Amino acid sequence: MAECIEIFDCLFNPIGEADRKQVHKEGLWHQTFHCWLIRKRENNIYILFQKRSANKQDSPNMLDIPAAGHLIAGEKKEDGLRELKEELGIDVDFSTLRYLGIRIEVIEVPGFNNKEFQHVYLLEDNTTLNEFTLQEDEVSGLVEVELQAGLSLLYGEVDSISCNSVFIENGVKQEGVYEMHMHDLIPRFDGYYKKIFIMTKRYFEGDKYLSI
């Protein structure tokens, strides 16, 4: 049975429902959930990225948001919390998430027309890399990026950075060091990753006002 998704006009007013294939074929506005896991350890701040499974139809083997997914018809943005359980195996109280607002993304390539209202959250979580239960058909691993090193990479000051990581293959997890380059990231034109790193820094500085 096709997944039914609520659709919207360009001002985020609901206008009906459509199946997922139609949504991406016709470029219908819909909503998704993004949750970035962040942590602070020994005065260093870290942000997690997931490495997408090699089996993913879109952007396989690339680094992206640690937990994300579509909201289906009838769901509210809070229901996106299930992505954390499904992809990372962690149970989280919604009140612990910090809402950054809605990001708009439009992608138009042959055969794929995507228009999203993305609900973006930060989650301070200290689960160690090896403690996550990864959904192997969705996520092949996690990469922990130190904030200042990540900013240096994103702003082109260095070509690569070394990051702690965990990868899974045939149900077996292996911790190690991942050499991260800009070409490992799913391209996004609006500085999305920079904004997440900057908002994470402000979060740990105790800034009350954060926004995507």
Protein backbone atom coordinates (compact mmCIF):
# COMPACT_ATOMS: atom_id res chain seq x y z
CA MET A 1 0.00 0.00 0.00
CA ALA A 2 1.35 3.42 -0.98
CA GLU A 3 2.36 5.79 1.83
CA CYS A 4 -0.12 8.67 2.01
CA ILE A 5 1.34 12.11 2.70
CA GLU A 6 -0.40 15.37 3.53
CA ILE A 7 0.28 18.07 0.95
CA PHE A 8 0.31 21.87 1.22
CA ASP A 9 0.36 25.04 -0.84
CA CYS A 10 3.49 27.19 -0.87
CA LEU A 11 2.31 29.06 2.25
CA PHE A 12 2.04 25.82 4.27
CA ASN A 13 -1.75 25.64 4.11
CA PRO A 14 -2.98 22.01 3.92
CA ILE A 15 -4.72 21.21 0.63
CA GLY A 16 -5.12 17.43 0.62
CA GLU A 17 -3.23 14.14 0.47
CA ALA A 18 -1.22 12.21 -2.11
CA ASP A 19 0.92 9.09 -2.21
CA ARG A 20 4.66 9.49 -1.82
CA LYS A 21 5.50 8.63 -5.44
CA GLN A 22 3.08 11.29 -6.72
CA VAL A 23 4.43 13.85 -4.23
CA HIS A 24 7.97 13.53 -5.58
CA LYS A 25 6.94 13.19 -9.22
CA GLU A 26 4.77 16.31 -9.27
CA GLY A 27 6.72 18.39 -6.76
CA LEU A 28 3.95 18.70 -4.18
CA TRP A 29 4.75 20.53 -0.97
CA HIS A 30 4.93 18.23 2.07
CA GLN A 31 6.54 18.16 5.53
CA THR A 32 9.45 16.25 7.00
CA PHE A 33 11.21 15.87 10.36
CA HIS A 34 14.94 16.55 10.93
CA CYS A 35 16.66 15.90 14.27
CA TRP A 36 20.34 16.69 14.83
CA LEU A 37 22.01 14.95 17.77
CA ILE A 38 24.54 17.09 19.61
CA ARG A 39 26.67 16.61 22.71
CA LYS A 40 29.38 18.26 24.80
CA ARG A 41 32.31 16.33 26.23
CA GLU A 42 35.37 17.73 27.99
CA ASN A 43 34.65 21.25 26.69
CA ASN A 44 34.37 20.01 23.10
CA ILE A 45 31.08 20.12 21.20
CA TYR A 46 30.12 17.37 18.76
CA ILE A 47 27.45 16.94 16.10
CA LEU A 48 26.41 13.56 14.73
CA PHE A 49 25.90 12.69 11.07
CA GLN A 50 24.50 9.46 9.75
CA LYS A 51 26.01 7.69 6.78
CA ARG A 52 23.17 6.57 4.58
CA SER A 53 22.95 2.93 3.59
CA ALA A 54 24.40 1.84 0.26
CA ASN A 55 20.92 0.48 -0.50
CA LYS A 56 19.20 3.88 -0.33
CA GLN A 57 17.68 5.04 -3.59
CA ASP A 58 18.58 8.67 -2.92
CA SER A 59 22.13 9.74 -1.98
CA PRO A 60 23.49 6.32 -0.91
CA ASN A 61 26.68 6.26 1.20
CA MET A 62 26.51 10.01 1.86
CA LEU A 63 26.49 11.85 5.19
CA ASP A 64 23.26 13.49 6.31
CA ILE A 65 20.96 14.31 9.24
CA PRO A 66 21.22 11.60 11.94
CA ALA A 67 17.43 11.08 12.11
CA ALA A 68 14.97 12.30 9.50
CA GLY A 69 11.88 11.24 7.60
CA HIS A 70 8.55 12.13 6.04
CA LEU A 71 5.48 12.92 8.10
CA ILE A 72 2.57 10.91 6.76
CA ALA A 73 -1.04 12.06 6.57
CA GLY A 74 -2.53 12.70 10.00
CA GLU A 75 0.82 13.16 11.73
CA LYS A 76 2.01 16.30 13.51
CA LYS A 77 5.62 17.40 13.60
CA GLU A 78 5.97 15.81 17.03
CA ASP A 79 5.29 12.39 15.50
CA GLY A 80 8.61 12.57 13.71
CA LEU A 81 10.12 11.46 17.01
CA ARG A 82 9.62 7.86 15.82
CA GLU A 83 12.55 8.34 13.42
CA LEU A 84 14.94 8.36 16.38
CA LYS A 85 13.64 5.00 17.51
CA GLU A 86 13.51 3.46 14.05
CA GLU A 87 16.88 4.62 12.74
CA LEU A 88 18.99 4.93 15.92
CA GLY A 89 17.18 2.76 18.47
CA ILE A 90 16.80 5.44 21.14
CA ASP A 91 13.68 6.46 23.09
CA VAL A 92 13.40 10.20 23.61
CA ASP A 93 10.92 12.48 25.34
CA PHE A 94 9.74 15.13 22.88
CA SER A 95 10.15 17.86 25.50
CA THR A 96 13.94 17.40 25.32
CA LEU A 97 14.11 18.52 21.67
CA ARG A 98 14.90 22.15 20.82
CA TYR A 99 12.86 23.39 17.87
CA LEU A 100 14.69 25.60 15.36
CA GLY A 101 11.73 26.16 13.06
CA ILE A 102 10.95 25.28 9.45
CA ARG A 103 13.51 25.07 6.68
CA ILE A 104 12.34 25.10 3.05
CA GLU A 105 14.09 22.89 0.51
CA VAL A 106 13.42 22.58 -3.22
CA ILE A 107 15.21 20.03 -5.42
CA GLU A 108 14.41 19.62 -9.10
CA VAL A 109 16.31 16.96 -11.02
CA PRO A 110 15.13 14.59 -13.78
CA GLY A 111 12.55 12.21 -12.32
CA PHE A 112 12.57 13.82 -8.87
CA ASN A 113 10.88 17.07 -7.85
CA ASN A 114 11.03 17.61 -4.11
CA LYS A 115 9.47 20.50 -2.16
CA GLU A 116 9.69 20.19 1.60
CA PHE A 117 8.79 22.06 4.76
CA GLN A 118 11.38 20.61 7.14
CA HIS A 119 10.80 20.78 10.90
CA VAL A 120 14.32 21.04 12.32
CA TYR A 121 15.31 20.11 15.88
CA LEU A 122 18.40 19.83 18.05
CA LEU A 123 18.65 17.04 20.62
CA GLU A 124 21.35 16.99 23.28
CA ASP A 125 22.11 13.29 23.65
CA ASN A 126 25.14 11.57 25.18
CA THR A 127 24.58 8.05 23.90
CA THR A 128 27.97 6.65 22.90
CA LEU A 129 28.43 5.71 19.26
CA ASN A 130 28.51 2.00 20.01
CA GLU A 131 25.29 2.14 22.05
CA PHE A 132 23.07 3.15 19.12
CA THR A 133 21.04 0.41 17.46
CA LEU A 134 21.27 1.27 13.78
CA GLN A 135 18.60 0.37 11.23
CA GLU A 136 21.02 -1.21 8.78
CA ASP A 137 18.82 -0.93 5.69
CA GLU A 138 18.63 2.86 6.31
CA VAL A 139 21.81 3.76 8.18
CA SER A 140 25.26 2.24 7.64
CA GLY A 141 27.03 4.25 10.32
CA LEU A 142 27.41 7.37 12.45
CA VAL A 143 30.14 10.00 12.35
CA GLU A 144 30.84 12.33 15.30
CA VAL A 145 32.11 15.73 14.14
CA GLU A 146 33.87 18.11 16.53
CA LEU A 147 32.31 21.55 16.10
CA GLN A 148 35.37 23.70 15.40
CA ALA A 149 36.88 21.11 13.07
CA GLY A 150 33.56 20.82 11.27
CA LEU A 151 33.32 24.57 10.78
CA SER A 152 36.84 24.61 9.37
CA LEU A 153 35.81 21.98 6.82
CA LEU A 154 32.51 23.68 5.95
CA TYR A 155 34.22 27.05 5.41
CA GLY A 156 36.93 25.53 3.20
CA GLU A 157 39.83 26.09 5.59
CA VAL A 158 40.83 22.41 5.47
CA ASP A 159 40.25 19.62 2.95
CA SER A 160 39.33 16.91 5.46
CA ILE A 161 38.92 16.18 9.15
CA SER A 162 39.28 13.01 11.24
CA CYS A 163 36.15 11.97 13.16
CA ASN A 164 35.20 9.19 15.54
CA SER A 165 32.76 6.83 13.88
CA VAL A 166 30.88 3.56 14.08
CA PHE A 167 29.82 1.50 11.07
CA ILE A 168 27.68 -1.61 10.82
CA GLU A 169 27.86 -4.48 8.36
CA ASN A 170 25.86 -7.69 8.62
CA GLY A 171 24.79 -6.69 12.10
CA VAL A 172 28.33 -6.17 13.38
CA LYS A 173 29.39 -2.71 14.58
CA GLN A 174 32.95 -1.47 14.24
CA GLU A 175 34.27 1.72 15.82
CA GLY A 176 37.05 3.67 14.13
CA VAL A 177 38.18 6.97 12.63
CA TYR A 178 36.47 8.39 9.54
CA GLU A 179 38.20 10.86 7.25
CA MET A 180 35.44 13.31 6.31
CA HIS A 181 35.48 15.50 3.17
CA MET A 182 32.98 18.01 1.82
CA HIS A 183 32.05 15.64 -0.99
CA ASP A 184 30.80 13.16 1.64
CA LEU A 185 27.91 15.51 2.49
CA ILE A 186 24.65 15.69 0.58
CA PRO A 187 24.93 19.05 -1.26
CA ARG A 188 22.68 21.80 0.12
CA PHE A 189 22.90 25.28 -1.36
CA ASP A 190 21.78 27.38 1.62
CA GLY A 191 24.50 26.70 4.15
CA TYR A 192 22.26 24.33 6.11
CA TYR A 193 25.15 22.49 7.76
CA LYS A 194 26.88 25.73 8.71
CA LYS A 195 23.67 26.95 10.34
CA ILE A 196 23.33 23.74 12.35
CA PHE A 197 26.90 24.04 13.63
CA ILE A 198 26.43 27.72 14.53
CA MET A 199 23.10 27.07 16.28
CA THR A 200 24.66 24.18 18.19
CA LYS A 201 27.43 26.47 19.43
CA ARG A 202 24.83 29.04 20.53
CA TYR A 203 22.78 26.31 22.22
CA PHE A 204 25.69 25.30 24.44
CA GLU A 205 26.45 28.95 25.15
CA GLY A 206 22.95 29.16 26.64
CA ASP A 207 21.46 31.38 23.92
CA LYS A 208 17.70 31.52 24.28
CA TYR A 209 17.06 32.53 20.67
CA LEU A 210 17.86 29.92 18.05
CA SER A 211 16.54 29.55 14.52
CA ILE A 212 17.23 27.73 11.29
